[in-house]
């Protein structure tokens, strides 16, 4: 077998092997989306709580009242 043919065949086989597991399947997307939504909901609850809201307002207030 000619060297260039072997190189091409090897490249083709490596390309096929790398494409086999290239992406996520639908179930992995679903689990990822559910995890992202759960994280967003937890973050929303924390940010909208009274203590955190007051702290964020204080930070923004101090940032806007900085003398130039």
PDB file of N, CA and C in Angstrom:
ATOM      1  N   UNK A   1       0.850  -1.174   0.000  1.00  0.00           N
ATOM      2  CA  UNK A   1       0.000   0.000   0.000  1.00  0.00           C
ATOM      3  C   UNK A   1       0.898   1.241   0.000  1.00  0.00           C
ATOM      4  N   UNK A   2       0.564   2.178  -0.791  1.00  0.00           N
ATOM      5  CA  UNK A   2       1.339   3.409  -0.924  1.00  0.00           C
ATOM      6  C   UNK A   2       1.232   4.230   0.366  1.00  0.00           C
ATOM      7  N   UNK A   3       2.284   4.948   0.717  1.00  0.00           N
ATOM      8  CA  UNK A   3       2.308   5.727   1.959  1.00  0.00           C
ATOM      9  C   UNK A   3       1.210   6.781   1.977  1.00  0.00           C
ATOM     10  N   UNK A   4       0.977   7.457   0.874  1.00  0.00           N
ATOM     11  CA  UNK A   4      -0.048   8.505   0.849  1.00  0.00           C
ATOM     12  C   UNK A   4      -1.443   7.927   1.047  1.00  0.00           C
ATOM     13  N   UNK A   5      -1.682   6.717   0.536  1.00  0.00           N
ATOM     14  CA  UNK A   5      -2.982   6.072   0.737  1.00  0.00           C
ATOM     15  C   UNK A   5      -3.147   5.723   2.207  1.00  0.00           C
ATOM     16  N   UNK A   6      -2.087   5.201   2.834  1.00  0.00           N
ATOM     17  CA  UNK A   6      -2.163   4.872   4.260  1.00  0.00           C
ATOM     18  C   UNK A   6      -2.439   6.118   5.094  1.00  0.00           C
ATOM     19  N   UNK A   7      -1.808   7.219   4.730  1.00  0.00           N
ATOM     20  CA  UNK A   7      -2.014   8.464   5.474  1.00  0.00           C
ATOM     21  C   UNK A   7      -3.458   8.928   5.329  1.00  0.00           C
ATOM     22  N   UNK A   8      -3.986   8.852   4.118  1.00  0.00           N
ATOM     23  CA  UNK A   8      -5.378   9.263   3.903  1.00  0.00           C
ATOM     24  C   UNK A   8      -6.356   8.363   4.632  1.00  0.00           C
ATOM     25  N   UNK A   9      -6.119   7.069   4.601  1.00  0.00           N
ATOM     26  CA  UNK A   9      -7.011   6.127   5.295  1.00  0.00           C
ATOM     27  C   UNK A   9      -6.962   6.379   6.797  1.00  0.00           C
ATOM     28  N   UNK A  10      -5.768   6.583   7.317  1.00  0.00           N
ATOM     29  CA  UNK A  10      -5.641   6.842   8.752  1.00  0.00           C
ATOM     30  C   UNK A  10      -6.360   8.139   9.140  1.00  0.00           C
ATOM     31  N   UNK A  11      -6.209   9.182   8.338  1.00  0.00           N
ATOM     32  CA  UNK A  11      -6.882  10.451   8.614  1.00  0.00           C
ATOM     33  C   UNK A  11      -8.392  10.278   8.564  1.00  0.00           C
ATOM     34  N   UNK A  12      -8.867   9.498   7.619  1.00  0.00           N
ATOM     35  CA  UNK A  12     -10.301   9.258   7.497  1.00  0.00           C
ATOM     36  C   UNK A  12     -10.824   8.506   8.724  1.00  0.00           C
ATOM     37  N   UNK A  13     -10.097   7.502   9.167  1.00  0.00           N
ATOM     38  CA  UNK A  13     -10.510   6.732  10.347  1.00  0.00           C
ATOM     39  C   UNK A  13     -10.486   7.584  11.607  1.00  0.00           C
ATOM     40  N   UNK A  14      -9.479   8.415  11.751  1.00  0.00           N
ATOM     41  CA  UNK A  14      -9.417   9.289  12.918  1.00  0.00           C
ATOM     42  C   UNK A  14     -10.548  10.310  12.902  1.00  0.00           C
ATOM     43  N   UNK A  15     -10.886  10.808  11.726  1.00  0.00           N
ATOM     44  CA  UNK A  15     -12.002  11.746  11.602  1.00  0.00           C
ATOM     45  C   UNK A  15     -13.318  11.119  11.990  1.00  0.00           C
ATOM     46  N   UNK A  16     -13.534   9.882  11.556  1.00  0.00           N
ATOM     47  CA  UNK A  16     -14.770   9.183  11.920  1.00  0.00           C
ATOM     48  C   UNK A  16     -14.837   8.911  13.418  1.00  0.00           C
ATOM     49  N   UNK A  17     -13.718   8.553  14.019  1.00  0.00           N
ATOM     50  CA  UNK A  17     -13.689   8.266  15.454  1.00  0.00           C
ATOM     51  C   UNK A  17     -13.975   9.519  16.270  1.00  0.00           C
ATOM     52  N   UNK A  18     -13.462  10.651  15.830  1.00  0.00           N
ATOM     53  CA  UNK A  18     -13.678  11.876  16.593  1.00  0.00           C
ATOM     54  C   UNK A  18     -15.106  12.387  16.436  1.00  0.00           C
ATOM     55  N   UNK A  19     -15.752  12.106  15.323  1.00  0.00           N
ATOM     56  CA  UNK A  19     -17.130  12.560  15.120  1.00  0.00           C
ATOM     57  C   UNK A  19     -18.136  11.701  15.855  1.00  0.00           C
ATOM     58  N   UNK A  20     -17.751  10.515  16.249  1.00  0.00           N
ATOM     59  CA  UNK A  20     -18.685   9.601  16.882  1.00  0.00           C
ATOM     60  C   UNK A  20     -19.240  10.179  18.182  1.00  0.00           C
ATOM     61  N   UNK A  21     -18.384  10.824  18.985  1.00  0.00           N
ATOM     62  CA  UNK A  21     -18.805  11.394  20.261  1.00  0.00           C
ATOM     63  C   UNK A  21     -18.693  12.915  20.255  1.00  0.00           C
ATOM     64  N   UNK A  22     -18.995  13.516  19.144  1.00  0.00           N
ATOM     65  CA  UNK A  22     -18.760  14.951  18.996  1.00  0.00           C
ATOM     66  C   UNK A  22     -19.764  15.805  19.755  1.00  0.00           C
ATOM     67  N   UNK A  23     -21.003  15.346  19.950  1.00  0.00           N
ATOM     68  CA  UNK A  23     -21.998  16.204  20.565  1.00  0.00           C
ATOM     69  C   UNK A  23     -22.805  15.508  21.625  1.00  0.00           C
ATOM     70  N   UNK A  24     -23.727  16.270  22.195  1.00  0.00           N
ATOM     71  CA  UNK A  24     -24.593  15.706  23.218  1.00  0.00           C
ATOM     72  C   UNK A  24     -25.851  15.148  22.564  1.00  0.00           C
ATOM     73  N   UNK A  25     -26.429  14.165  23.210  1.00  0.00           N
ATOM     74  CA  UNK A  25     -27.699  13.626  22.751  1.00  0.00           C
ATOM     75  C   UNK A  25     -28.819  14.408  23.419  1.00  0.00           C
ATOM     76  N   UNK A  26     -30.037  14.180  22.976  1.00  0.00           N
ATOM     77  CA  UNK A  26     -31.183  14.937  23.457  1.00  0.00           C
ATOM     78  C   UNK A  26     -31.356  14.830  24.965  1.00  0.00           C
ATOM     79  N   UNK A  27     -31.147  13.656  25.534  1.00  0.00           N
ATOM     80  CA  UNK A  27     -31.314  13.504  26.984  1.00  0.00           C
ATOM     81  C   UNK A  27     -30.281  14.335  27.748  1.00  0.00           C
ATOM     82  N   UNK A  28     -29.067  14.447  27.213  1.00  0.00           N
ATOM     83  CA  UNK A  28     -28.065  15.278  27.879  1.00  0.00           C
ATOM     84  C   UNK A  28     -28.434  16.752  27.797  1.00  0.00           C
ATOM     85  N   UNK A  29     -28.986  17.180  26.672  1.00  0.00           N
ATOM     86  CA  UNK A  29     -29.477  18.556  26.566  1.00  0.00           C
ATOM     87  C   UNK A  29     -30.573  18.800  27.594  1.00  0.00           C
ATOM     88  N   UNK A  30     -31.499  17.859  27.735  1.00  0.00           N
ATOM     89  CA  UNK A  30     -32.611  18.019  28.673  1.00  0.00           C
ATOM     90  C   UNK A  30     -32.098  18.142  30.105  1.00  0.00           C
ATOM     91  N   UNK A  31     -31.168  17.298  30.490  1.00  0.00           N
ATOM     92  CA  UNK A  31     -30.616  17.367  31.843  1.00  0.00           C
ATOM     93  C   UNK A  31     -29.870  18.681  32.041  1.00  0.00           C
ATOM     94  N   UNK A  32     -29.131  19.115  31.043  1.00  0.00           N
ATOM     95  CA  UNK A  32     -28.417  20.394  31.138  1.00  0.00           C
ATOM     96  C   UNK A  32     -29.358  21.572  31.279  1.00  0.00           C
ATOM     97  N   UNK A  33     -30.444  21.562  30.534  1.00  0.00           N
ATOM     98  CA  UNK A  33     -31.428  22.647  30.614  1.00  0.00           C
ATOM     99  C   UNK A  33     -32.105  22.656  31.972  1.00  0.00           C
ATOM    100  N   UNK A  34     -32.468  21.481  32.474  1.00  0.00           N
ATOM    101  CA  UNK A  34     -33.114  21.405  33.792  1.00  0.00           C
ATOM    102  C   UNK A  34     -32.166  21.912  34.872  1.00  0.00           C
ATOM    103  N   UNK A  35     -30.904  21.543  34.798  1.00  0.00           N
ATOM    104  CA  UNK A  35     -29.932  22.020  35.784  1.00  0.00           C
ATOM    105  C   UNK A  35     -29.767  23.536  35.694  1.00  0.00           C
ATOM    106  N   UNK A  36     -29.727  24.077  34.482  1.00  0.00           N
ATOM    107  CA  UNK A  36     -29.581  25.524  34.305  1.00  0.00           C
ATOM    108  C   UNK A  36     -30.790  26.274  34.854  1.00  0.00           C
ATOM    109  N   UNK A  37     -31.976  25.750  34.619  1.00  0.00           N
ATOM    110  CA  UNK A  37     -33.198  26.386  35.124  1.00  0.00           C
ATOM    111  C   UNK A  37     -33.235  26.324  36.649  1.00  0.00           C
ATOM    112  N   UNK A  38     -32.845  25.192  37.227  1.00  0.00           N
ATOM    113  CA  UNK A  38     -32.817  25.074  38.688  1.00  0.00           C
ATOM    114  C   UNK A  38     -31.819  26.051  39.289  1.00  0.00           C
ATOM    115  N   UNK A  39     -30.653  26.184  38.668  1.00  0.00           N
ATOM    116  CA  UNK A  39     -29.654  27.137  39.152  1.00  0.00           C
ATOM    117  C   UNK A  39     -30.177  28.569  39.042  1.00  0.00           C
ATOM    118  N   UNK A  40     -30.828  28.890  37.926  1.00  0.00           N
ATOM    119  CA  UNK A  40     -31.371  30.238  37.737  1.00  0.00           C
ATOM    120  C   UNK A  40     -32.455  30.531  38.776  1.00  0.00           C
ATOM    121  N   UNK A  41     -33.305  29.548  39.073  1.00  0.00           N
ATOM    122  CA  UNK A  41     -34.358  29.748  40.069  1.00  0.00           C
ATOM    123  C   UNK A  41     -33.762  29.977  41.452  1.00  0.00           C
ATOM    124  N   UNK A  42     -32.755  29.196  41.805  1.00  0.00           N
ATOM    125  CA  UNK A  42     -32.109  29.375  43.111  1.00  0.00           C
ATOM    126  C   UNK A  42     -31.425  30.736  43.189  1.00  0.00           C
ATOM    127  N   UNK A  43     -30.748  31.132  42.129  1.00  0.00           N
ATOM    128  CA  UNK A  43     -30.090  32.435  42.101  1.00  0.00           C
ATOM    129  C   UNK A  43     -31.109  33.568  42.194  1.00  0.00           C
ATOM    130  N   UNK A  44     -32.231  33.433  41.525  1.00  0.00           N
ATOM    131  CA  UNK A  44     -33.294  34.441  41.584  1.00  0.00           C
ATOM    132  C   UNK A  44     -33.826  34.581  43.006  1.00  0.00           C
ATOM    133  N   UNK A  45     -34.027  33.444  43.669  1.00  0.00           N
ATOM    134  CA  UNK A  45     -34.526  33.480  45.052  1.00  0.00           C
ATOM    135  C   UNK A  45     -33.534  34.194  45.969  1.00  0.00           C
ATOM    136  N   UNK A  46     -32.257  33.924  45.787  1.00  0.00           N
ATOM    137  CA  UNK A  46     -31.239  34.551  46.631  1.00  0.00           C
ATOM    138  C   UNK A  46     -31.174  36.048  46.368  1.00  0.00           C
ATOM    139  N   UNK A  47     -31.170  36.419  45.104  1.00  0.00           N
ATOM    140  CA  UNK A  47     -31.027  37.842  44.756  1.00  0.00           C
ATOM    141  C   UNK A  47     -32.251  38.642  45.163  1.00  0.00           C
ATOM    142  N   UNK A  48     -33.432  38.055  45.102  1.00  0.00           N
ATOM    143  CA  UNK A  48     -34.648  38.792  45.447  1.00  0.00           C
ATOM    144  C   UNK A  48     -34.996  38.711  46.927  1.00  0.00           C
ATOM    145  N   UNK A  49     -34.186  38.035  47.738  1.00  0.00           N
ATOM    146  CA  UNK A  49     -34.454  38.003  49.174  1.00  0.00           C
ATOM    147  C   UNK A  49     -34.200  39.391  49.752  1.00  0.00           C
ATOM    148  N   UNK A  50     -34.799  39.682  50.885  1.00  0.00           N
ATOM    149  CA  UNK A  50     -34.726  41.011  51.480  1.00  0.00           C
ATOM    150  C   UNK A  50     -33.316  41.455  51.810  1.00  0.00           C
ATOM    151  N   UNK A  51     -32.558  40.614  52.469  1.00  0.00           N
ATOM    152  CA  UNK A  51     -31.218  40.996  52.896  1.00  0.00           C
ATOM    153  C   UNK A  51     -30.290  41.238  51.711  1.00  0.00           C
ATOM    154  N   UNK A  52     -30.327  40.363  50.729  1.00  0.00           N
ATOM    155  CA  UNK A  52     -29.466  40.525  49.556  1.00  0.00           C
ATOM    156  C   UNK A  52     -29.903  41.736  48.738  1.00  0.00           C
ATOM    157  N   UNK A  53     -31.218  41.940  48.607  1.00  0.00           N
ATOM    158  CA  UNK A  53     -31.717  43.101  47.874  1.00  0.00           C
ATOM    159  C   UNK A  53     -31.262  44.406  48.503  1.00  0.00           C
ATOM    160  N   UNK A  54     -31.330  44.480  49.840  1.00  0.00           N
ATOM    161  CA  UNK A  54     -30.893  45.690  50.533  1.00  0.00           C
ATOM    162  C   UNK A  54     -29.391  45.895  50.358  1.00  0.00           C
ATOM    163  N   UNK A  55     -28.640  44.810  50.418  1.00  0.00           N
ATOM    164  CA  UNK A  55     -27.189  44.903  50.245  1.00  0.00           C
ATOM    165  C   UNK A  55     -26.838  45.384  48.828  1.00  0.00           C
ATOM    166  N   UNK A  56     -27.531  44.842  47.820  1.00  0.00           N
ATOM    167  CA  UNK A  56     -27.288  45.271  46.438  1.00  0.00           C
ATOM    168  C   UNK A  56     -27.658  46.735  46.233  1.00  0.00           C
ATOM    169  N   UNK A  57     -28.762  47.172  46.847  1.00  0.00           N
ATOM    170  CA  UNK A  57     -29.146  48.578  46.738  1.00  0.00           C
ATOM    171  C   UNK A  57     -28.103  49.477  47.392  1.00  0.00           C
ATOM    172  N   UNK A  58     -27.548  49.026  48.511  1.00  0.00           N
ATOM    173  CA  UNK A  58     -26.502  49.795  49.176  1.00  0.00           C
ATOM    174  C   UNK A  58     -25.254  49.913  48.319  1.00  0.00           C
ATOM    175  N   UNK A  59     -24.875  48.816  47.668  1.00  0.00           N
ATOM    176  CA  UNK A  59     -23.696  48.835  46.798  1.00  0.00           C
ATOM    177  C   UNK A  59     -23.904  49.784  45.628  1.00  0.00           C
ATOM    178  N   UNK A  60     -25.066  49.703  44.992  1.00  0.00           N
ATOM    179  CA  UNK A  60     -25.356  50.583  43.859  1.00  0.00           C
ATOM    180  C   UNK A  60     -25.429  52.035  44.324  1.00  0.00           C
ATOM    181  N   UNK A  61     -26.037  52.263  45.469  1.00  0.00           N
ATOM    182  CA  UNK A  61     -26.131  53.627  45.997  1.00  0.00           C
ATOM    183  C   UNK A  61     -24.767  54.218  46.275  1.00  0.00           C
ATOM    184  N   UNK A  62     -23.886  53.428  46.881  1.00  0.00           N
ATOM    185  CA  UNK A  62     -22.523  53.922  47.156  1.00  0.00           C
ATOM    186  C   UNK A  62     -21.770  54.170  45.852  1.00  0.00           C
ATOM    187  N   UNK A  63     -21.992  53.337  44.862  1.00  0.00           N
ATOM    188  CA  UNK A  63     -21.295  53.510  43.586  1.00  0.00           C
ATOM    189  C   UNK A  63     -21.758  54.775  42.869  1.00  0.00           C
ATOM    190  N   UNK A  64     -23.026  55.098  42.982  1.00  0.00           N
ATOM    191  CA  UNK A  64     -23.549  56.291  42.302  1.00  0.00           C
ATOM    192  C   UNK A  64     -23.222  57.570  43.050  1.00  0.00           C
ATOM    193  N   UNK A  65     -22.941  57.497  44.335  1.00  0.00           N
ATOM    194  CA  UNK A  65     -22.668  58.694  45.139  1.00  0.00           C
ATOM    195  C   UNK A  65     -21.180  58.920  45.365  1.00  0.00           C
ATOM    196  N   UNK A  66     -20.338  58.370  44.530  1.00  0.00           N
ATOM    197  CA  UNK A  66     -18.895  58.560  44.656  1.00  0.00           C
ATOM    198  C   UNK A  66     -18.541  59.941  44.145  1.00  0.00           C
ATOM    199  N   UNK A  67     -17.839  60.750  44.971  1.00  0.00           N
ATOM    200  CA  UNK A  67     -17.443  62.079  44.490  1.00  0.00           C
ATOM    201  C   UNK A  67     -16.374  61.973  43.403  1.00  0.00           C
ATOM    202  N   UNK A  68     -16.463  62.819  42.432  1.00  0.00           N
ATOM    203  CA  UNK A  68     -15.511  62.816  41.312  1.00  0.00           C
ATOM    204  C   UNK A  68     -14.347  63.687  41.608  1.00  0.00           C
TER     205      UNK A  68
END
